[in-house]
Amino acid sequence: MFRTIHMDFMDMKMWMQPFFLAFGGVLSDYVTTILGLSMGFCEACQQYHPVWALTFFGGSVAVLTVTLPRKRPWNLCPIGLASASYLGAANNILVILGLSAGIAI
């Protein structure tokens, strides 16, 4: 009657993948932000901090992972959201290369 919770290694790997993606995106954004700041650029959002970004993406991924069904296409939603964390790094690279003026706030 009671169902035991059992997670094998593959389930754990699929569950952790969005969190690692989000961490990689926030880390790459932070590294490119530091690189841009050292080149004389200024941060558009003065309140930006990687801990807040990681909290936001990690919390959002956790909510999606718990609430959405585990079947396709729903299991791709947390991965897609975690991949969005790379947009900041992509923007920073474009600004550093001079291909974009950046985001105007």
N, C-alpha and C. Protein backbone atom coordinates (compact mmCIF):
# COMPACT_ATOMS: atom_id res chain seq x y z
N MET A 1 0.80 -1.17 0.00
CA MET A 1 0.00 0.00 0.00
C MET A 1 0.86 1.26 0.00
N PHE A 2 1.90 1.26 0.84
CA PHE A 2 2.79 2.41 0.84
C PHE A 2 3.88 2.20 -0.19
N ARG A 3 4.14 3.23 -0.90
CA ARG A 3 5.15 3.15 -1.95
C ARG A 3 6.46 3.70 -1.41
N THR A 4 7.50 2.92 -1.52
CA THR A 4 8.81 3.39 -1.05
C THR A 4 9.45 4.25 -2.13
N ILE A 5 10.17 5.21 -1.69
CA ILE A 5 10.86 6.10 -2.62
C ILE A 5 12.23 5.50 -2.88
N HIS A 6 12.44 5.12 -4.12
CA HIS A 6 13.72 4.53 -4.51
C HIS A 6 14.21 5.24 -5.75
N MET A 7 15.40 5.77 -5.67
CA MET A 7 16.00 6.45 -6.80
C MET A 7 17.29 5.74 -7.16
N ASP A 8 17.36 5.19 -8.35
CA ASP A 8 18.63 4.61 -8.75
C ASP A 8 19.52 5.70 -9.34
N PHE A 9 20.69 5.32 -9.77
CA PHE A 9 21.69 6.30 -10.21
C PHE A 9 21.22 7.08 -11.42
N MET A 10 20.54 6.45 -12.36
CA MET A 10 20.08 7.15 -13.57
C MET A 10 19.01 8.18 -13.23
N ASP A 11 18.11 7.87 -12.32
CA ASP A 11 17.10 8.83 -11.90
C ASP A 11 17.76 10.03 -11.22
N MET A 12 18.74 9.76 -10.39
CA MET A 12 19.45 10.84 -9.70
C MET A 12 20.20 11.70 -10.70
N LYS A 13 20.79 11.07 -11.71
CA LYS A 13 21.52 11.81 -12.72
C LYS A 13 20.58 12.72 -13.51
N MET A 14 19.44 12.22 -13.88
CA MET A 14 18.47 13.03 -14.63
C MET A 14 17.90 14.14 -13.76
N TRP A 15 17.77 13.91 -12.47
CA TRP A 15 17.24 14.90 -11.55
C TRP A 15 18.24 16.02 -11.29
N MET A 16 19.53 15.70 -11.26
CA MET A 16 20.57 16.68 -10.96
C MET A 16 21.04 17.47 -12.18
N GLN A 17 20.79 16.97 -13.37
CA GLN A 17 21.28 17.62 -14.59
C GLN A 17 20.87 19.09 -14.70
N PRO A 18 19.62 19.48 -14.48
CA PRO A 18 19.27 20.90 -14.57
C PRO A 18 20.01 21.77 -13.56
N PHE A 19 20.27 21.24 -12.37
CA PHE A 19 20.98 22.03 -11.36
C PHE A 19 22.43 22.27 -11.78
N PHE A 20 23.07 21.27 -12.36
CA PHE A 20 24.43 21.45 -12.84
C PHE A 20 24.46 22.42 -14.02
N LEU A 21 23.46 22.34 -14.90
CA LEU A 21 23.38 23.29 -16.01
C LEU A 21 23.22 24.72 -15.50
N ALA A 22 22.35 24.91 -14.54
CA ALA A 22 22.14 26.25 -13.98
C ALA A 22 23.41 26.76 -13.31
N PHE A 23 24.10 25.90 -12.58
CA PHE A 23 25.34 26.29 -11.94
C PHE A 23 26.40 26.69 -12.97
N GLY A 24 26.50 25.93 -14.05
CA GLY A 24 27.46 26.26 -15.11
C GLY A 24 27.13 27.58 -15.78
N GLY A 25 25.85 27.84 -16.00
CA GLY A 25 25.45 29.10 -16.62
C GLY A 25 25.72 30.30 -15.74
N VAL A 26 25.42 30.18 -14.47
CA VAL A 26 25.66 31.29 -13.54
C VAL A 26 27.17 31.50 -13.37
N LEU A 27 27.93 30.42 -13.31
CA LEU A 27 29.38 30.54 -13.19
C LEU A 27 30.00 31.19 -14.42
N SER A 28 29.55 30.80 -15.61
CA SER A 28 30.08 31.41 -16.83
C SER A 28 29.67 32.88 -16.93
N ASP A 29 28.47 33.21 -16.48
CA ASP A 29 28.05 34.61 -16.46
C ASP A 29 28.91 35.42 -15.50
N TYR A 30 29.21 34.84 -14.35
CA TYR A 30 30.04 35.54 -13.37
C TYR A 30 31.46 35.76 -13.90
N VAL A 31 32.03 34.74 -14.53
CA VAL A 31 33.39 34.85 -15.07
C VAL A 31 33.44 35.91 -16.17
N THR A 32 32.47 35.90 -17.08
CA THR A 32 32.49 36.91 -18.14
C THR A 32 32.17 38.30 -17.60
N THR A 33 31.38 38.39 -16.53
CA THR A 33 31.14 39.70 -15.90
C THR A 33 32.42 40.25 -15.30
N ILE A 34 33.16 39.42 -14.59
CA ILE A 34 34.43 39.83 -14.00
C ILE A 34 35.41 40.23 -15.10
N LEU A 35 35.45 39.48 -16.19
CA LEU A 35 36.32 39.81 -17.31
C LEU A 35 35.95 41.17 -17.91
N GLY A 36 34.66 41.41 -18.10
CA GLY A 36 34.20 42.69 -18.64
C GLY A 36 34.49 43.85 -17.70
N LEU A 37 34.30 43.62 -16.40
CA LEU A 37 34.60 44.68 -15.43
C LEU A 37 36.09 45.02 -15.41
N SER A 38 36.92 44.00 -15.58
CA SER A 38 38.37 44.25 -15.59
C SER A 38 38.80 44.97 -16.87
N MET A 39 37.98 44.94 -17.90
CA MET A 39 38.29 45.64 -19.15
C MET A 39 37.72 47.05 -19.16
N GLY A 40 37.05 47.47 -18.11
CA GLY A 40 36.55 48.82 -18.01
C GLY A 40 35.05 48.98 -18.25
N PHE A 41 34.36 47.89 -18.54
CA PHE A 41 32.91 47.97 -18.69
C PHE A 41 32.27 48.09 -17.31
N CYS A 42 31.02 48.54 -17.27
CA CYS A 42 30.32 48.62 -16.00
C CYS A 42 29.10 47.70 -16.04
N GLU A 43 28.72 47.24 -14.88
CA GLU A 43 27.58 46.33 -14.75
C GLU A 43 26.29 47.13 -14.86
N ALA A 44 25.37 46.67 -15.70
CA ALA A 44 24.10 47.38 -15.89
C ALA A 44 23.22 47.28 -14.65
N CYS A 45 23.28 46.17 -13.97
CA CYS A 45 22.48 45.99 -12.75
C CYS A 45 23.44 45.92 -11.57
N GLN A 46 23.49 46.96 -10.78
CA GLN A 46 24.43 47.03 -9.67
C GLN A 46 24.14 46.03 -8.56
N GLN A 47 22.91 45.51 -8.49
CA GLN A 47 22.55 44.55 -7.46
C GLN A 47 22.83 43.11 -7.87
N TYR A 48 23.41 42.91 -9.05
CA TYR A 48 23.68 41.55 -9.52
C TYR A 48 24.69 40.87 -8.60
N HIS A 49 24.38 39.66 -8.24
CA HIS A 49 25.32 38.82 -7.50
C HIS A 49 25.06 37.38 -7.92
N PRO A 50 26.09 36.59 -8.15
CA PRO A 50 25.87 35.22 -8.62
C PRO A 50 25.11 34.35 -7.64
N VAL A 51 25.20 34.64 -6.35
CA VAL A 51 24.44 33.85 -5.37
C VAL A 51 22.94 34.06 -5.57
N TRP A 52 22.52 35.30 -5.85
CA TRP A 52 21.10 35.56 -6.12
C TRP A 52 20.67 34.86 -7.41
N ALA A 53 21.52 34.91 -8.43
CA ALA A 53 21.18 34.25 -9.69
C ALA A 53 21.07 32.74 -9.50
N LEU A 54 22.00 32.16 -8.75
CA LEU A 54 21.96 30.72 -8.50
C LEU A 54 20.75 30.34 -7.66
N THR A 55 20.40 31.19 -6.71
CA THR A 55 19.19 30.95 -5.91
C THR A 55 17.95 30.98 -6.77
N PHE A 56 17.87 31.96 -7.67
CA PHE A 56 16.71 32.06 -8.55
C PHE A 56 16.61 30.84 -9.46
N PHE A 57 17.68 30.53 -10.19
CA PHE A 57 17.62 29.40 -11.12
C PHE A 57 17.47 28.07 -10.40
N GLY A 58 18.17 27.89 -9.29
CA GLY A 58 18.04 26.64 -8.53
C GLY A 58 16.65 26.45 -7.96
N GLY A 59 16.08 27.53 -7.42
CA GLY A 59 14.72 27.45 -6.89
C GLY A 59 13.68 27.19 -7.96
N SER A 60 13.84 27.87 -9.09
CA SER A 60 12.89 27.66 -10.20
C SER A 60 12.97 26.25 -10.75
N VAL A 61 14.19 25.76 -10.90
CA VAL A 61 14.37 24.39 -11.40
C VAL A 61 13.80 23.39 -10.39
N ALA A 62 13.99 23.64 -9.10
CA ALA A 62 13.46 22.73 -8.07
C ALA A 62 11.94 22.70 -8.12
N VAL A 63 11.31 23.86 -8.26
CA VAL A 63 9.84 23.90 -8.32
C VAL A 63 9.34 23.16 -9.56
N LEU A 64 9.98 23.39 -10.71
CA LEU A 64 9.56 22.70 -11.93
C LEU A 64 9.80 21.20 -11.83
N THR A 65 10.91 20.80 -11.24
CA THR A 65 11.22 19.37 -11.13
C THR A 65 10.21 18.65 -10.25
N VAL A 66 9.77 19.30 -9.18
CA VAL A 66 8.84 18.66 -8.25
C VAL A 66 7.41 18.67 -8.79
N THR A 67 7.01 19.75 -9.46
CA THR A 67 5.61 19.90 -9.83
C THR A 67 5.24 19.30 -11.18
N LEU A 68 6.16 19.28 -12.13
CA LEU A 68 5.82 18.78 -13.47
C LEU A 68 5.92 17.26 -13.54
N PRO A 69 5.12 16.65 -14.41
CA PRO A 69 5.23 15.20 -14.60
C PRO A 69 6.61 14.83 -15.14
N ARG A 70 6.98 13.59 -14.95
CA ARG A 70 8.32 13.15 -15.36
C ARG A 70 8.37 12.67 -16.81
N LYS A 71 7.26 12.72 -17.51
CA LYS A 71 7.24 12.24 -18.90
C LYS A 71 7.56 13.38 -19.85
N ARG A 72 8.01 13.00 -21.05
CA ARG A 72 8.27 14.00 -22.08
C ARG A 72 6.98 14.62 -22.52
N PRO A 73 6.90 15.84 -22.88
CA PRO A 73 7.95 16.87 -22.99
C PRO A 73 8.17 17.63 -21.69
N TRP A 74 7.47 17.27 -20.63
CA TRP A 74 7.53 18.04 -19.39
C TRP A 74 8.89 17.97 -18.72
N ASN A 75 9.60 16.85 -18.87
CA ASN A 75 10.89 16.75 -18.20
C ASN A 75 11.95 17.63 -18.86
N LEU A 76 11.66 18.20 -20.02
CA LEU A 76 12.60 19.10 -20.68
C LEU A 76 12.48 20.54 -20.18
N CYS A 77 11.40 20.87 -19.51
CA CYS A 77 11.19 22.24 -19.02
C CYS A 77 12.25 22.69 -18.02
N PRO A 78 12.59 21.89 -17.01
CA PRO A 78 13.65 22.34 -16.10
C PRO A 78 15.01 22.50 -16.80
N ILE A 79 15.27 21.64 -17.78
CA ILE A 79 16.53 21.73 -18.53
C ILE A 79 16.54 23.01 -19.35
N GLY A 80 15.41 23.34 -19.96
CA GLY A 80 15.33 24.57 -20.75
C GLY A 80 15.51 25.81 -19.89
N LEU A 81 14.91 25.81 -18.72
CA LEU A 81 15.06 26.96 -17.82
C LEU A 81 16.50 27.07 -17.33
N ALA A 82 17.11 25.95 -17.01
CA ALA A 82 18.50 25.98 -16.55
C ALA A 82 19.44 26.45 -17.67
N SER A 83 19.11 26.11 -18.91
CA SER A 83 19.93 26.56 -20.04
C SER A 83 19.83 28.06 -20.25
N ALA A 84 18.74 28.66 -19.81
CA ALA A 84 18.57 30.10 -19.95
C ALA A 84 19.58 30.88 -19.13
N SER A 85 20.19 30.23 -18.15
CA SER A 85 21.19 30.92 -17.33
C SER A 85 22.45 31.26 -18.13
N TYR A 86 22.60 30.66 -19.31
CA TYR A 86 23.75 30.96 -20.17
C TYR A 86 23.54 32.23 -20.99
N LEU A 87 22.34 32.78 -21.00
CA LEU A 87 22.08 34.00 -21.77
C LEU A 87 22.89 35.19 -21.27
N GLY A 88 23.09 35.28 -19.98
CA GLY A 88 23.91 36.37 -19.43
C GLY A 88 25.34 36.29 -19.91
N ALA A 89 25.90 35.09 -19.94
CA ALA A 89 27.27 34.91 -20.42
C ALA A 89 27.36 35.23 -21.91
N ALA A 90 26.35 34.82 -22.66
CA ALA A 90 26.35 35.11 -24.10
C ALA A 90 26.28 36.62 -24.34
N ASN A 91 25.46 37.32 -23.58
CA ASN A 91 25.37 38.77 -23.69
C ASN A 91 26.71 39.42 -23.33
N ASN A 92 27.34 38.96 -22.26
CA ASN A 92 28.62 39.52 -21.85
C ASN A 92 29.69 39.32 -22.92
N ILE A 93 29.71 38.15 -23.54
CA ILE A 93 30.70 37.87 -24.59
C ILE A 93 30.47 38.79 -25.79
N LEU A 94 29.20 38.99 -26.17
CA LEU A 94 28.91 39.89 -27.29
C LEU A 94 29.34 41.32 -26.98
N VAL A 95 29.16 41.76 -25.75
CA VAL A 95 29.56 43.12 -25.36
C VAL A 95 31.09 43.22 -25.36
N ILE A 96 31.77 42.23 -24.83
CA ILE A 96 33.23 42.26 -24.79
C ILE A 96 33.82 42.27 -26.20
N LEU A 97 33.22 41.51 -27.11
CA LEU A 97 33.71 41.46 -28.49
C LEU A 97 33.31 42.70 -29.30
N GLY A 98 32.45 43.53 -28.75
CA GLY A 98 32.03 44.74 -29.44
C GLY A 98 30.91 44.51 -30.44
N LEU A 99 30.25 43.37 -30.39
CA LEU A 99 29.18 43.05 -31.33
C LEU A 99 27.81 43.53 -30.84
N SER A 100 27.74 43.95 -29.59
CA SER A 100 26.49 44.41 -29.02
C SER A 100 26.78 45.55 -28.03
N ALA A 101 25.82 46.44 -27.92
CA ALA A 101 25.98 47.54 -26.96
C ALA A 101 25.55 47.11 -25.56
N GLY A 102 24.98 45.95 -25.42
CA GLY A 102 24.53 45.48 -24.13
C GLY A 102 23.07 45.82 -23.88
N ILE A 103 22.61 45.46 -22.73
CA ILE A 103 21.23 45.69 -22.35
C ILE A 103 21.14 47.05 -21.68
N ALA A 104 20.29 47.91 -22.19
CA ALA A 104 20.09 49.24 -21.59
C ALA A 104 18.93 49.19 -20.62
N ILE A 105 19.19 49.56 -19.39
CA ILE A 105 18.14 49.55 -18.37
C ILE A 105 17.75 50.97 -18.07
